[in-house]
PDB file of N, CA and C in Angstrom:
ATOM      1  N   MET A   1      43.837  15.807 -41.406  1.00  0.00           N
ATOM      2  CA  MET A   1      43.617  14.392 -40.436  1.00  0.00           C
ATOM      3  C   MET A   1      44.644  13.980 -39.035  1.00  0.00           C
ATOM      4  N   MET A   2      43.708  13.648 -38.460  1.00  0.00           N
ATOM      5  CA  MET A   2      44.715  12.393 -36.806  1.00  0.00           C
ATOM      6  C   MET A   2      44.877  11.226 -37.299  1.00  0.00           C
ATOM      7  N   GLU A   3      45.967  10.565 -37.016  1.00  0.00           N
ATOM      8  CA  GLU A   3      45.702   9.233 -37.165  1.00  0.00           C
ATOM      9  C   GLU A   3      45.713   8.682 -35.889  1.00  0.00           C
ATOM     10  N   ALA A   4      45.249   8.034 -35.455  1.00  0.00           N
ATOM     11  CA  ALA A   4      44.871   6.897 -34.416  1.00  0.00           C
ATOM     12  C   ALA A   4      45.502   5.352 -34.062  1.00  0.00           C
ATOM     13  N   ALA A   5      45.908   5.751 -33.313  1.00  0.00           N
ATOM     14  CA  ALA A   5      46.017   3.788 -32.321  1.00  0.00           C
ATOM     15  C   ALA A   5      44.975   3.415 -31.300  1.00  0.00           C
ATOM     16  N   TYR A   6      45.457   2.081 -31.083  1.00  0.00           N
ATOM     17  CA  TYR A   6      45.139   0.996 -29.497  1.00  0.00           C
ATOM     18  C   TYR A   6      45.806   0.370 -28.942  1.00  0.00           C
ATOM     19  N   VAL A   7      46.413   0.258 -28.040  1.00  0.00           N
ATOM     20  CA  VAL A   7      47.312  -0.087 -27.219  1.00  0.00           C
ATOM     21  C   VAL A   7      46.749  -1.256 -26.068  1.00  0.00           C
ATOM     22  N   LEU A   8      46.778  -2.146 -26.573  1.00  0.00           N
ATOM     23  CA  LEU A   8      46.379  -3.297 -24.735  1.00  0.00           C
ATOM     24  C   LEU A   8      47.170  -3.864 -24.683  1.00  0.00           C
ATOM     25  N   PHE A   9      47.177  -3.651 -23.267  1.00  0.00           N
ATOM     26  CA  PHE A   9      47.553  -4.109 -22.121  1.00  0.00           C
ATOM     27  C   PHE A   9      47.852  -5.940 -21.147  1.00  0.00           C
ATOM     28  N   ASN A  10      48.707  -5.612 -21.246  1.00  0.00           N
ATOM     29  CA  ASN A  10      48.809  -6.911 -19.721  1.00  0.00           C
ATOM     30  C   ASN A  10      49.712  -6.427 -18.627  1.00  0.00           C
ATOM     31  N   LEU A  11      49.373  -6.129 -17.208  1.00  0.00           N
ATOM     32  CA  LEU A  11      50.174  -5.647 -16.712  1.00  0.00           C
ATOM     33  C   LEU A  11      50.550  -6.405 -15.540  1.00  0.00           C
ATOM     34  N   GLN A  12      51.868  -5.701 -14.817  1.00  0.00           N
ATOM     35  CA  GLN A  12      51.974  -6.308 -14.040  1.00  0.00           C
ATOM     36  C   GLN A  12      51.331  -6.773 -12.465  1.00  0.00           C
ATOM     37  N   PRO A  13      51.435  -7.692 -11.952  1.00  0.00           N
ATOM     38  CA  PRO A  13      50.965  -7.129 -10.473  1.00  0.00           C
ATOM     39  C   PRO A  13      50.382  -5.968  -9.252  1.00  0.00           C
ATOM     40  N   ARG A  14      49.718  -5.407  -9.141  1.00  0.00           N
ATOM     41  CA  ARG A  14      50.306  -3.824  -8.397  1.00  0.00           C
ATOM     42  C   ARG A  14      50.767  -2.957  -8.661  1.00  0.00           C
ATOM     43  N   LYS A  15      50.605  -2.940 -10.269  1.00  0.00           N
ATOM     44  CA  LYS A  15      51.308  -2.042 -11.419  1.00  0.00           C
ATOM     45  C   LYS A  15      49.962  -1.585 -12.064  1.00  0.00           C
ATOM     46  N   LYS A  16      49.355  -1.482 -11.835  1.00  0.00           N
ATOM     47  CA  LYS A  16      48.086  -0.617 -13.234  1.00  0.00           C
ATOM     48  C   LYS A  16      47.672   0.343 -12.428  1.00  0.00           C
ATOM     49  N   LYS A  17      46.764   0.639 -11.429  1.00  0.00           N
ATOM     50  CA  LYS A  17      46.718   2.537 -11.690  1.00  0.00           C
ATOM     51  C   LYS A  17      47.578   3.295 -11.548  1.00  0.00           C
ATOM     52  N   GLU A  18      49.048   2.713 -11.307  1.00  0.00           N
ATOM     53  CA  GLU A  18      50.752   3.982 -11.145  1.00  0.00           C
ATOM     54  C   GLU A  18      50.914   3.887 -12.960  1.00  0.00           C
ATOM     55  N   PHE A  19      50.175   2.308 -13.495  1.00  0.00           N
ATOM     56  CA  PHE A  19      50.577   2.492 -15.091  1.00  0.00           C
ATOM     57  C   PHE A  19      49.786   3.581 -15.646  1.00  0.00           C
ATOM     58  N   ILE A  20      48.477   3.595 -15.119  1.00  0.00           N
ATOM     59  CA  ILE A  20      47.262   4.930 -16.129  1.00  0.00           C
ATOM     60  C   ILE A  20      47.969   5.665 -15.572  1.00  0.00           C
ATOM     61  N   ARG A  21      48.285   6.473 -13.952  1.00  0.00           N
ATOM     62  CA  ARG A  21      48.692   7.635 -13.531  1.00  0.00           C
ATOM     63  C   ARG A  21      49.427   8.250 -14.665  1.00  0.00           C
ATOM     64  N   LYS A  22      50.995   7.532 -14.881  1.00  0.00           N
ATOM     65  CA  LYS A  22      51.922   7.192 -15.533  1.00  0.00           C
ATOM     66  C   LYS A  22      51.891   8.002 -17.157  1.00  0.00           C
ATOM     67  N   VAL A  23      50.949   6.882 -17.523  1.00  0.00           N
ATOM     68  CA  VAL A  23      50.814   7.036 -19.455  1.00  0.00           C
ATOM     69  C   VAL A  23      49.642   7.971 -19.925  1.00  0.00           C
ATOM     70  N   ARG A  24      48.949   8.219 -18.632  1.00  0.00           N
ATOM     71  CA  ARG A  24      48.241   9.665 -19.438  1.00  0.00           C
ATOM     72  C   ARG A  24      48.575  10.602 -18.842  1.00  0.00           C
ATOM     73  N   GLU A  25      50.176  11.102 -19.475  1.00  0.00           N
ATOM     74  CA  GLU A  25      50.787  12.180 -19.039  1.00  0.00           C
ATOM     75  C   GLU A  25      51.217  12.468 -20.240  1.00  0.00           C
ATOM     76  N   ILE A  26      50.842  11.429 -20.534  1.00  0.00           N
ATOM     77  CA  ILE A  26      51.889  11.106 -22.444  1.00  0.00           C
ATOM     78  C   ILE A  26      51.940  12.149 -23.152  1.00  0.00           C
ATOM     79  N   GLU A  27      52.088  13.178 -24.059  1.00  0.00           N
ATOM     80  CA  GLU A  27      51.518  13.628 -24.931  1.00  0.00           C
ATOM     81  C   GLU A  27      50.954  12.744 -26.153  1.00  0.00           C
ATOM     82  N   GLY A  28      50.269  12.934 -26.289  1.00  0.00           N
ATOM     83  CA  GLY A  28      49.468  11.640 -27.616  1.00  0.00           C
ATOM     84  C   GLY A  28      48.360  10.806 -27.241  1.00  0.00           C
ATOM     85  N   VAL A  29      48.747  10.823 -25.945  1.00  0.00           N
ATOM     86  CA  VAL A  29      47.721   9.892 -25.006  1.00  0.00           C
ATOM     87  C   VAL A  29      46.374  11.326 -24.691  1.00  0.00           C
ATOM     88  N   LYS A  30      45.469   9.852 -25.726  1.00  0.00           N
ATOM     89  CA  LYS A  30      44.307  11.088 -25.379  1.00  0.00           C
ATOM     90  C   LYS A  30      43.172   9.959 -24.117  1.00  0.00           C
ATOM     91  N   GLU A  31      43.804   8.804 -23.825  1.00  0.00           N
ATOM     92  CA  GLU A  31      42.349   8.139 -23.035  1.00  0.00           C
ATOM     93  C   GLU A  31      43.585   6.826 -22.716  1.00  0.00           C
ATOM     94  N   ALA A  32      42.982   6.591 -21.431  1.00  0.00           N
ATOM     95  CA  ALA A  32      43.680   5.773 -20.717  1.00  0.00           C
ATOM     96  C   ALA A  32      42.783   4.650 -19.470  1.00  0.00           C
ATOM     97  N   ARG A  33      42.311   3.681 -19.877  1.00  0.00           N
ATOM     98  CA  ARG A  33      41.497   3.245 -18.986  1.00  0.00           C
ATOM     99  C   ARG A  33      42.494   1.287 -19.079  1.00  0.00           C
ATOM    100  N   LEU A  34      42.041   1.266 -17.696  1.00  0.00           N
ATOM    101  CA  LEU A  34      41.723  -0.060 -16.890  1.00  0.00           C
ATOM    102  C   LEU A  34      40.535  -1.052 -16.994  1.00  0.00           C
ATOM    103  N   VAL A  35      40.477  -2.109 -18.225  1.00  0.00           N
ATOM    104  CA  VAL A  35      39.534  -3.198 -18.643  1.00  0.00           C
ATOM    105  C   VAL A  35      39.580  -4.686 -17.731  1.00  0.00           C
ATOM    106  N   ILE A  36      38.732  -4.579 -17.904  1.00  0.00           N
ATOM    107  CA  ILE A  36      38.698  -6.177 -17.147  1.00  0.00           C
ATOM    108  C   ILE A  36      38.149  -6.988 -18.265  1.00  0.00           C
ATOM    109  N   GLY A  37      38.613  -8.093 -18.209  1.00  0.00           N
ATOM    110  CA  GLY A  37      38.976  -9.525 -19.498  1.00  0.00           C
ATOM    111  C   GLY A  37      39.774  -9.812 -19.490  1.00  0.00           C
ATOM    112  N   ILE A  38      40.815 -10.471 -20.669  1.00  0.00           N
ATOM    113  CA  ILE A  38      41.933 -11.048 -21.698  1.00  0.00           C
ATOM    114  C   ILE A  38      43.333 -10.453 -21.176  1.00  0.00           C
ATOM    115  N   PHE A  39      42.571  -8.282 -21.586  1.00  0.00           N
ATOM    116  CA  PHE A  39      44.127  -7.071 -21.203  1.00  0.00           C
ATOM    117  C   PHE A  39      42.984  -6.573 -19.902  1.00  0.00           C
ATOM    118  N   ASP A  40      44.142  -6.619 -19.620  1.00  0.00           N
ATOM    119  CA  ASP A  40      44.154  -5.381 -18.006  1.00  0.00           C
ATOM    120  C   ASP A  40      43.945  -4.004 -18.918  1.00  0.00           C
ATOM    121  N   ALA A  41      44.777  -2.927 -19.482  1.00  0.00           N
ATOM    122  CA  ALA A  41      44.529  -1.224 -19.391  1.00  0.00           C
ATOM    123  C   ALA A  41      44.324  -1.369 -21.217  1.00  0.00           C
ATOM    124  N   ILE A  42      43.572  -0.628 -21.995  1.00  0.00           N
ATOM    125  CA  ILE A  42      43.519   0.394 -23.351  1.00  0.00           C
ATOM    126  C   ILE A  42      43.993   1.045 -23.470  1.00  0.00           C
ATOM    127  N   VAL A  43      44.549   2.256 -24.371  1.00  0.00           N
ATOM    128  CA  VAL A  43      45.035   3.462 -23.908  1.00  0.00           C
ATOM    129  C   VAL A  43      45.200   3.692 -25.666  1.00  0.00           C
ATOM    130  N   ARG A  44      43.891   4.657 -25.658  1.00  0.00           N
ATOM    131  CA  ARG A  44      43.817   5.924 -27.765  1.00  0.00           C
ATOM    132  C   ARG A  44      44.699   6.470 -27.711  1.00  0.00           C
ATOM    133  N   ILE A  45      45.512   6.458 -28.641  1.00  0.00           N
ATOM    134  CA  ILE A  45      46.781   7.594 -28.725  1.00  0.00           C
ATOM    135  C   ILE A  45      46.362   8.149 -30.426  1.00  0.00           C
ATOM    136  N   GLU A  46      46.658   9.556 -30.574  1.00  0.00           N
ATOM    137  CA  GLU A  46      46.772  10.211 -31.815  1.00  0.00           C
ATOM    138  C   GLU A  46      47.884  11.271 -32.352  1.00  0.00           C
ATOM    139  N   ALA A  47      47.882  10.761 -33.223  1.00  0.00           N
ATOM    140  CA  ALA A  47      49.454  12.244 -33.744  1.00  0.00           C
ATOM    141  C   ALA A  47      48.969  12.725 -35.387  1.00  0.00           C
ATOM    142  N   ASP A  48      50.016  12.817 -35.564  1.00  0.00           N
ATOM    143  CA  ASP A  48      49.583  13.730 -37.113  1.00  0.00           C
ATOM    144  C   ASP A  48      49.984  12.526 -38.224  1.00  0.00           C
ATOM    145  N   SER A  49      50.671  11.719 -38.150  1.00  0.00           N
ATOM    146  CA  SER A  49      51.736  10.468 -38.899  1.00  0.00           C
ATOM    147  C   SER A  49      51.597   9.097 -37.851  1.00  0.00           C
ATOM    148  N   MET A  50      51.386   8.007 -38.769  1.00  0.00           N
ATOM    149  CA  MET A  50      51.723   6.306 -38.137  1.00  0.00           C
ATOM    150  C   MET A  50      53.160   7.195 -38.034  1.00  0.00           C
ATOM    151  N   GLU A  51      53.735   7.046 -38.400  1.00  0.00           N
ATOM    152  CA  GLU A  51      55.451   7.092 -37.644  1.00  0.00           C
ATOM    153  C   GLU A  51      55.459   7.526 -36.192  1.00  0.00           C
ATOM    154  N   ALA A  52      54.906   8.994 -35.975  1.00  0.00           N
ATOM    155  CA  ALA A  52      54.600   9.382 -34.585  1.00  0.00           C
ATOM    156  C   ALA A  52      53.609   8.751 -34.352  1.00  0.00           C
ATOM    157  N   LEU A  53      52.626   8.096 -34.431  1.00  0.00           N
ATOM    158  CA  LEU A  53      52.340   7.309 -33.299  1.00  0.00           C
ATOM    159  C   LEU A  53      53.122   6.216 -32.992  1.00  0.00           C
ATOM    160  N   GLU A  54      53.773   5.902 -33.757  1.00  0.00           N
ATOM    161  CA  GLU A  54      54.748   4.228 -32.839  1.00  0.00           C
ATOM    162  C   GLU A  54      55.577   4.262 -32.481  1.00  0.00           C
ATOM    163  N   ARG A  55      56.791   6.050 -33.130  1.00  0.00           N
ATOM    164  CA  ARG A  55      57.501   6.665 -31.885  1.00  0.00           C
ATOM    165  C   ARG A  55      56.815   7.307 -30.926  1.00  0.00           C
ATOM    166  N   ILE A  56      56.252   7.344 -30.305  1.00  0.00           N
ATOM    167  CA  ILE A  56      54.979   7.903 -29.567  1.00  0.00           C
ATOM    168  C   ILE A  56      55.081   6.495 -28.973  1.00  0.00           C
ATOM    169  N   TYR A  57      54.530   5.068 -28.807  1.00  0.00           N
ATOM    170  CA  TYR A  57      54.451   4.168 -28.592  1.00  0.00           C
ATOM    171  C   TYR A  57      55.511   3.321 -28.016  1.00  0.00           C
ATOM    172  N   LEU A  58      56.748   3.500 -28.720  1.00  0.00           N
ATOM    173  CA  LEU A  58      58.316   2.742 -29.177  1.00  0.00           C
ATOM    174  C   LEU A  58      58.819   3.020 -27.940  1.00  0.00           C
ATOM    175  N   ASN A  59      58.921   4.300 -27.824  1.00  0.00           N
ATOM    176  CA  ASN A  59      59.842   5.660 -27.226  1.00  0.00           C
ATOM    177  C   ASN A  59      59.193   5.978 -25.729  1.00  0.00           C
ATOM    178  N   GLN A  60      57.978   5.844 -25.519  1.00  0.00           N
ATOM    179  CA  GLN A  60      56.998   6.679 -24.342  1.00  0.00           C
ATOM    180  C   GLN A  60      56.555   5.951 -23.726  1.00  0.00           C
ATOM    181  N   ILE A  61      55.675   4.846 -23.966  1.00  0.00           N
ATOM    182  CA  ILE A  61      54.268   4.202 -24.088  1.00  0.00           C
ATOM    183  C   ILE A  61      55.076   2.998 -23.335  1.00  0.00           C
ATOM    184  N   ASP A  62      55.933   2.104 -23.975  1.00  0.00           N
ATOM    185  CA  ASP A  62      56.164   0.870 -23.900  1.00  0.00           C
ATOM    186  C   ASP A  62      57.858   0.818 -23.072  1.00  0.00           C
ATOM    187  N   ASN A  63      57.723   1.908 -22.828  1.00  0.00           N
ATOM    188  CA  ASN A  63      58.444   2.200 -21.236  1.00  0.00           C
ATOM    189  C   ASN A  63      58.610   2.460 -19.943  1.00  0.00           C
ATOM    190  N   VAL A  64      56.527   2.711 -20.099  1.00  0.00           N
ATOM    191  CA  VAL A  64      56.441   2.938 -18.792  1.00  0.00           C
ATOM    192  C   VAL A  64      57.209   1.525 -17.919  1.00  0.00           C
ATOM    193  N   GLU A  65      56.844   1.984 -16.879  1.00  0.00           N
ATOM    194  CA  GLU A  65      56.755   0.444 -15.028  1.00  0.00           C
ATOM    195  C   GLU A  65      55.793   0.065 -15.455  1.00  0.00           C
ATOM    196  N   GLY A  66      55.803  -1.846 -15.925  1.00  0.00           N
ATOM    197  CA  GLY A  66      54.711  -2.213 -14.766  1.00  0.00           C
ATOM    198  C   GLY A  66      54.033  -3.308 -16.598  1.00  0.00           C
ATOM    199  N   ILE A  67      54.285  -3.299 -17.611  1.00  0.00           N
ATOM    200  CA  ILE A  67      54.318  -3.631 -18.732  1.00  0.00           C
ATOM    201  C   ILE A  67      54.642  -5.083 -18.855  1.00  0.00           C
ATOM    202  N   ALA A  68      53.610  -6.079 -18.887  1.00  0.00           N
ATOM    203  CA  ALA A  68      54.258  -7.276 -19.353  1.00  0.00           C
ATOM    204  C   ALA A  68      54.074  -7.809 -20.610  1.00  0.00           C
ATOM    205  N   HIS A  69      53.050  -7.077 -21.308  1.00  0.00           N
ATOM    206  CA  HIS A  69      52.903  -7.778 -22.391  1.00  0.00           C
ATOM    207  C   HIS A  69      51.968  -6.041 -23.392  1.00  0.00           C
ATOM    208  N   SER A  70      52.216  -6.197 -24.674  1.00  0.00           N
ATOM    209  CA  SER A  70      51.509  -4.640 -25.115  1.00  0.00           C
ATOM    210  C   SER A  70      51.210  -5.380 -26.734  1.00  0.00           C
ATOM    211  N   ARG A  71      50.134  -4.619 -27.357  1.00  0.00           N
ATOM    212  CA  ARG A  71      50.364  -4.900 -28.840  1.00  0.00           C
ATOM    213  C   ARG A  71      49.702  -3.863 -29.347  1.00  0.00           C
ATOM    214  N   LEU A  72      49.841  -2.998 -29.777  1.00  0.00           N
ATOM    215  CA  LEU A  72      49.929  -1.577 -30.956  1.00  0.00           C
ATOM    216  C   LEU A  72      49.087  -2.156 -32.559  1.00  0.00           C
ATOM    217  N   HIS A  73      48.173  -1.213 -32.417  1.00  0.00           N
ATOM    218  CA  HIS A  73      46.637  -1.747 -33.194  1.00  0.00           C
ATOM    219  C   HIS A  73      46.495  -0.415 -34.202  1.00  0.00           C
ATOM    220  N   LEU A  74      47.103  -0.355 -34.678  1.00  0.00           N
ATOM    221  CA  LEU A  74      46.716   0.442 -35.663  1.00  0.00           C
ATOM    222  C   LEU A  74      45.121   1.797 -36.489  1.00  0.00           C
ATOM    223  N   VAL A  75      44.889   2.265 -36.388  1.00  0.00           N
ATOM    224  CA  VAL A  75      43.430   1.994 -36.823  1.00  0.00           C
ATOM    225  C   VAL A  75      43.766   2.816 -38.625  1.00  0.00           C
ATOM    226  N   ALA A  76      43.169   1.750 -39.235  1.00  0.00           N
ATOM    227  CA  ALA A  76      43.458   1.353 -40.172  1.00  0.00           C
ATOM    228  C   ALA A  76      41.985   2.078 -41.251  1.00  0.00           C
ATOM    229  N   CYS A  77      41.454   2.024 -41.198  1.00  0.00           N
ATOM    230  CA  CYS A  77      39.948   3.088 -41.907  1.00  0.00           C
ATOM    231  C   CYS A  77      39.327   4.702 -41.975  1.00  0.00           C
ATOM    232  N   PRO A  78      39.966   5.746 -42.557  1.00  0.00           N
ATOM    233  CA  PRO A  78      39.643   6.404 -42.595  1.00  0.00           C
ATOM    234  C   PRO A  78      37.980   6.985 -42.204  1.00  0.00           C
ATOM    235  N   ARG A  79      36.658   5.311 -42.653  1.00  0.00           N
ATOM    236  CA  ARG A  79      35.253   6.579 -41.689  1.00  0.00           C
ATOM    237  C   ARG A  79      35.498   5.860 -40.270  1.00  0.00           C
ATOM    238  N   THR A  80      36.063   5.154 -39.859  1.00  0.00           N
ATOM    239  CA  THR A  80      36.325   4.305 -38.943  1.00  0.00           C
ATOM    240  C   THR A  80      36.923   5.912 -37.388  1.00  0.00           C
ATOM    241  N   ARG A  81      38.021   6.654 -37.806  1.00  0.00           N
ATOM    242  CA  ARG A  81      38.823   7.925 -37.658  1.00  0.00           C
ATOM    243  C   ARG A  81      38.354   9.099 -35.924  1.00  0.00           C
ATOM    244  N   LYS A  82      37.358   9.211 -36.789  1.00  0.00           N
ATOM    245  CA  LYS A  82      35.560   9.818 -35.751  1.00  0.00           C
ATOM    246  C   LYS A  82      36.058   9.445 -34.448  1.00  0.00           C
TER     247      LYS A  82
END
């Protein structure tokens, strides 16, 4: 079973479209959307393990230019992973 996580972002002004374009190119990113509300964007990632999810987040996603703040939320309950 694949592990999943959501990352919520606050982005720097005038960086939103470029951020979404770049993050969608990262392996493991299944969906990336701009949103309206407290956060500017949400990204869904999937990998074979929790450790792999953390590596994708820390080594790739978190290095994309334009991030002011981000929060990683791991999907914990197996029933909700479908």
